[in-house]
Amino acid sequence: MNASTPEWIAICAVTDIPVLGSRTVPRAQGLDVALFRTPDDQVFALLDRCPHKGGPLSQGIVFGQRVACPLHNWTIGLNDGQAQAPDQGCTPRFAVRVANGQVLLNTHELATLGLNLSRPVAGPARRAAPCPSTAHP
């Protein structure tokens, strides 16, 4: 496989993700990926980690195309992983395809994105690192 011709893996059916909810996808290495579903059946995938204190976004409240972190209520855009102002920071997003009711993720991204990130330990807030950009088809 090479990065210019991505391979996709079926993860679950769209209906396996609760409307306005999420489902996690465990990875062999690194933090889980969280899949989110909007009322109009759009599906988004983010690293299951808030850029603020590392809260599990999969346990947050989904509204529109955003999720509120369950720890400190930071709002993260599902389409880009960016924290909404006045907060700053982002979490890696993963490309998603939906085909025949199945949710597919890019195998290269699953194997490489966000592997260096972990859940921060509790302590004083620090400036968030810039979000790595990813090219999506």
C-alpha atoms as a PDB file:
ATOM      1  CA  MET A   1       0.000   0.000   0.000  1.00  0.00           C
ATOM      2  CA  ASN A   2       1.181   3.519  -0.642  1.00  0.00           C
ATOM      3  CA  ALA A   3      -0.257   6.781   0.642  1.00  0.00           C
ATOM      4  CA  SER A   4      -1.294   7.978  -2.835  1.00  0.00           C
ATOM      5  CA  THR A   5      -3.727   5.060  -3.213  1.00  0.00           C
ATOM      6  CA  PRO A   6      -5.428   4.762   0.168  1.00  0.00           C
ATOM      7  CA  GLU A   7      -6.994   1.530   1.278  1.00  0.00           C
ATOM      8  CA  TRP A   8     -10.221   1.570   3.226  1.00  0.00           C
ATOM      9  CA  ILE A   9     -11.473  -0.822   5.888  1.00  0.00           C
ATOM     10  CA  ALA A  10     -15.094  -1.330   6.895  1.00  0.00           C
ATOM     11  CA  ILE A  11     -15.541  -0.486  10.576  1.00  0.00           C
ATOM     12  CA  CYS A  12     -19.278  -0.769  11.229  1.00  0.00           C
ATOM     13  CA  ALA A  13     -22.696   0.062   9.840  1.00  0.00           C
ATOM     14  CA  VAL A  14     -23.806   3.696  10.098  1.00  0.00           C
ATOM     15  CA  THR A  15     -26.704   2.459  12.219  1.00  0.00           C
ATOM     16  CA  ASP A  16     -24.209   0.987  14.746  1.00  0.00           C
ATOM     17  CA  ILE A  17     -23.382   4.573  15.755  1.00  0.00           C
ATOM     18  CA  PRO A  18     -26.143   6.210  17.828  1.00  0.00           C
ATOM     19  CA  VAL A  19     -27.678   9.355  16.319  1.00  0.00           C
ATOM     20  CA  LEU A  20     -26.031  12.327  18.087  1.00  0.00           C
ATOM     21  CA  GLY A  21     -23.671   9.849  19.665  1.00  0.00           C
ATOM     22  CA  SER A  22     -20.458   7.987  19.088  1.00  0.00           C
ATOM     23  CA  ARG A  23     -18.679   4.668  18.916  1.00  0.00           C
ATOM     24  CA  THR A  24     -14.976   4.033  19.500  1.00  0.00           C
ATOM     25  CA  VAL A  25     -12.607   2.146  17.236  1.00  0.00           C
ATOM     26  CA  PRO A  26      -9.679   0.578  19.092  1.00  0.00           C
ATOM     27  CA  ARG A  27      -6.300   0.587  17.355  1.00  0.00           C
ATOM     28  CA  ALA A  28      -3.313  -1.715  17.782  1.00  0.00           C
ATOM     29  CA  GLN A  29      -1.257   1.338  18.822  1.00  0.00           C
ATOM     30  CA  GLY A  30      -2.273   4.753  20.041  1.00  0.00           C
ATOM     31  CA  LEU A  31      -5.538   6.118  21.352  1.00  0.00           C
ATOM     32  CA  ASP A  32      -8.905   5.001  20.026  1.00  0.00           C
ATOM     33  CA  VAL A  33     -10.667   6.760  17.171  1.00  0.00           C
ATOM     34  CA  ALA A  34     -14.158   8.101  17.911  1.00  0.00           C
ATOM     35  CA  LEU A  35     -16.854   7.901  15.242  1.00  0.00           C
ATOM     36  CA  PHE A  36     -19.687  10.439  15.517  1.00  0.00           C
ATOM     37  CA  ARG A  37     -23.078  10.457  13.781  1.00  0.00           C
ATOM     38  CA  THR A  38     -25.241  13.511  13.153  1.00  0.00           C
ATOM     39  CA  PRO A  39     -29.068  13.459  12.797  1.00  0.00           C
ATOM     40  CA  ASP A  40     -28.697  13.559   8.991  1.00  0.00           C
ATOM     41  CA  ASP A  41     -26.421  10.469   9.091  1.00  0.00           C
ATOM     42  CA  GLN A  42     -23.150  12.265   8.418  1.00  0.00           C
ATOM     43  CA  VAL A  43     -20.268  10.387  10.033  1.00  0.00           C
ATOM     44  CA  PHE A  44     -17.068  11.978  11.329  1.00  0.00           C
ATOM     45  CA  ALA A  45     -13.958  10.485  12.924  1.00  0.00           C
ATOM     46  CA  LEU A  46     -11.612  12.148  15.424  1.00  0.00           C
ATOM     47  CA  LEU A  47      -8.920  10.916  17.734  1.00  0.00           C
ATOM     48  CA  ASP A  48     -10.759  10.216  20.999  1.00  0.00           C
ATOM     49  CA  ARG A  49      -8.854  12.957  22.812  1.00  0.00           C
ATOM     50  CA  CYS A  50      -9.767  16.555  23.581  1.00  0.00           C
ATOM     51  CA  PRO A  51      -6.848  18.928  22.864  1.00  0.00           C
ATOM     52  CA  HIS A  52      -7.382  20.636  26.226  1.00  0.00           C
ATOM     53  CA  LYS A  53      -6.899  17.979  28.916  1.00  0.00           C
ATOM     54  CA  GLY A  54      -7.253  14.787  26.897  1.00  0.00           C
ATOM     55  CA  GLY A  55     -10.873  14.077  27.753  1.00  0.00           C
ATOM     56  CA  PRO A  56     -12.600  11.242  25.875  1.00  0.00           C
ATOM     57  CA  LEU A  57     -14.586  13.027  23.162  1.00  0.00           C
ATOM     58  CA  SER A  58     -16.582   9.830  22.561  1.00  0.00           C
ATOM     59  CA  GLN A  59     -18.265  10.469  25.916  1.00  0.00           C
ATOM     60  CA  GLY A  60     -19.209  14.033  24.985  1.00  0.00           C
ATOM     61  CA  ILE A  61     -22.483  15.494  23.785  1.00  0.00           C
ATOM     62  CA  VAL A  62     -22.860  15.774  19.998  1.00  0.00           C
ATOM     63  CA  PHE A  63     -24.810  18.760  18.681  1.00  0.00           C
ATOM     64  CA  GLY A  64     -24.904  19.800  15.043  1.00  0.00           C
ATOM     65  CA  GLN A  65     -21.410  19.140  13.702  1.00  0.00           C
ATOM     66  CA  ARG A  66     -19.697  19.596  17.056  1.00  0.00           C
ATOM     67  CA  VAL A  67     -18.985  17.638  20.196  1.00  0.00           C
ATOM     68  CA  ALA A  68     -18.654  19.026  23.724  1.00  0.00           C
ATOM     69  CA  CYS A  69     -15.850  17.445  25.736  1.00  0.00           C
ATOM     70  CA  PRO A  70     -17.245  15.793  28.880  1.00  0.00           C
ATOM     71  CA  LEU A  71     -14.468  17.153  31.107  1.00  0.00           C
ATOM     72  CA  HIS A  72     -14.506  20.916  30.602  1.00  0.00           C
ATOM     73  CA  ASN A  73     -17.129  21.491  27.893  1.00  0.00           C
ATOM     74  CA  TRP A  74     -14.696  22.535  25.179  1.00  0.00           C
ATOM     75  CA  THR A  75     -16.468  22.451  21.814  1.00  0.00           C
ATOM     76  CA  ILE A  76     -14.655  20.588  19.034  1.00  0.00           C
ATOM     77  CA  GLY A  77     -15.665  20.719  15.353  1.00  0.00           C
ATOM     78  CA  LEU A  78     -16.361  17.260  13.977  1.00  0.00           C
ATOM     79  CA  ASN A  79     -15.380  18.254  10.443  1.00  0.00           C
ATOM     80  CA  ASP A  80     -11.935  19.620  11.333  1.00  0.00           C
ATOM     81  CA  GLY A  81     -11.095  18.693  14.945  1.00  0.00           C
ATOM     82  CA  GLN A  82     -10.602  22.378  15.838  1.00  0.00           C
ATOM     83  CA  ALA A  83     -11.578  23.781  19.227  1.00  0.00           C
ATOM     84  CA  GLN A  84     -14.102  26.586  18.904  1.00  0.00           C
ATOM     85  CA  ALA A  85     -13.041  30.095  19.972  1.00  0.00           C
ATOM     86  CA  PRO A  86     -12.097  31.328  22.451  1.00  0.00           C
ATOM     87  CA  ASP A  87     -10.450  27.939  23.065  1.00  0.00           C
ATOM     88  CA  GLN A  88      -7.497  26.896  20.914  1.00  0.00           C
ATOM     89  CA  GLY A  89      -6.148  23.549  19.796  1.00  0.00           C
ATOM     90  CA  CYS A  90      -7.276  20.588  17.765  1.00  0.00           C
ATOM     91  CA  THR A  91      -7.411  16.844  17.672  1.00  0.00           C
ATOM     92  CA  PRO A  92      -6.493  14.805  14.579  1.00  0.00           C
ATOM     93  CA  ARG A  93      -9.358  13.956  12.256  1.00  0.00           C
ATOM     94  CA  PHE A  94      -9.605  10.851  10.134  1.00  0.00           C
ATOM     95  CA  ALA A  95     -11.040  10.570   6.630  1.00  0.00           C
ATOM     96  CA  VAL A  96     -14.384   8.745   6.526  1.00  0.00           C
ATOM     97  CA  ARG A  97     -16.260   7.168   3.658  1.00  0.00           C
ATOM     98  CA  VAL A  98     -19.771   5.786   3.820  1.00  0.00           C
ATOM     99  CA  ALA A  99     -20.658   3.176   1.206  1.00  0.00           C
ATOM    100  CA  ASN A 100     -23.737   0.964   1.174  1.00  0.00           C
ATOM    101  CA  GLY A 101     -24.483   1.913   4.779  1.00  0.00           C
ATOM    102  CA  GLN A 102     -20.983   0.933   5.954  1.00  0.00           C
ATOM    103  CA  VAL A 103     -18.485   3.293   7.594  1.00  0.00           C
ATOM    104  CA  LEU A 104     -14.968   2.983   6.161  1.00  0.00           C
ATOM    105  CA  LEU A 105     -11.715   4.425   7.511  1.00  0.00           C
ATOM    106  CA  ASN A 106      -8.381   4.866   5.759  1.00  0.00           C
ATOM    107  CA  THR A 107      -5.980   2.108   6.887  1.00  0.00           C
ATOM    108  CA  HIS A 108      -2.894   4.322   6.531  1.00  0.00           C
ATOM    109  CA  GLU A 109      -4.402   7.002   8.781  1.00  0.00           C
ATOM    110  CA  LEU A 110      -5.485   4.404  11.348  1.00  0.00           C
ATOM    111  CA  ALA A 111      -1.916   3.111  11.475  1.00  0.00           C
ATOM    112  CA  THR A 112      -0.184   6.498  11.656  1.00  0.00           C
ATOM    113  CA  LEU A 113      -2.271   9.492  12.815  1.00  0.00           C
ATOM    114  CA  GLY A 114      -1.937  10.641  16.399  1.00  0.00           C
ATOM    115  CA  LEU A 115       0.238   7.767  17.576  1.00  0.00           C
ATOM    116  CA  ASN A 116       2.465  10.200  19.456  1.00  0.00           C
ATOM    117  CA  LEU A 117      -0.463  11.606  21.455  1.00  0.00           C
ATOM    118  CA  SER A 118      -1.530  10.298  24.824  1.00  0.00           C
ATOM    119  CA  ARG A 119      -3.954  11.369  27.485  1.00  0.00           C
ATOM    120  CA  PRO A 120      -2.302  14.170  29.475  1.00  0.00           C
ATOM    121  CA  VAL A 121      -2.005  13.783  33.186  1.00  0.00           C
ATOM    122  CA  ALA A 122      -3.872  16.277  35.350  1.00  0.00           C
ATOM    123  CA  GLY A 123      -2.051  19.528  35.964  1.00  0.00           C
ATOM    124  CA  PRO A 124      -1.931  23.152  34.917  1.00  0.00           C
ATOM    125  CA  ALA A 125      -3.146  24.090  31.441  1.00  0.00           C
ATOM    126  CA  ARG A 126      -0.513  24.526  28.762  1.00  0.00           C
ATOM    127  CA  ARG A 127      -0.622  25.902  25.267  1.00  0.00           C
ATOM    128  CA  ALA A 128      -1.944  23.439  22.737  1.00  0.00           C
ATOM    129  CA  ALA A 129       0.374  22.287  19.981  1.00  0.00           C
ATOM    130  CA  PRO A 130      -0.636  23.119  16.418  1.00  0.00           C
ATOM    131  CA  CYS A 131      -2.769  20.491  14.718  1.00  0.00           C
ATOM    132  CA  PRO A 132      -1.007  18.423  12.065  1.00  0.00           C
ATOM    133  CA  SER A 133      -2.624  18.941   8.703  1.00  0.00           C
ATOM    134  CA  THR A 134      -3.839  15.963   6.768  1.00  0.00           C
ATOM    135  CA  ALA A 135      -4.827  15.762   3.158  1.00  0.00           C
ATOM    136  CA  HIS A 136      -8.215  14.220   2.525  1.00  0.00           C
ATOM    137  CA  PRO A 137      -9.692  13.290  -0.832  1.00  0.00           C
END
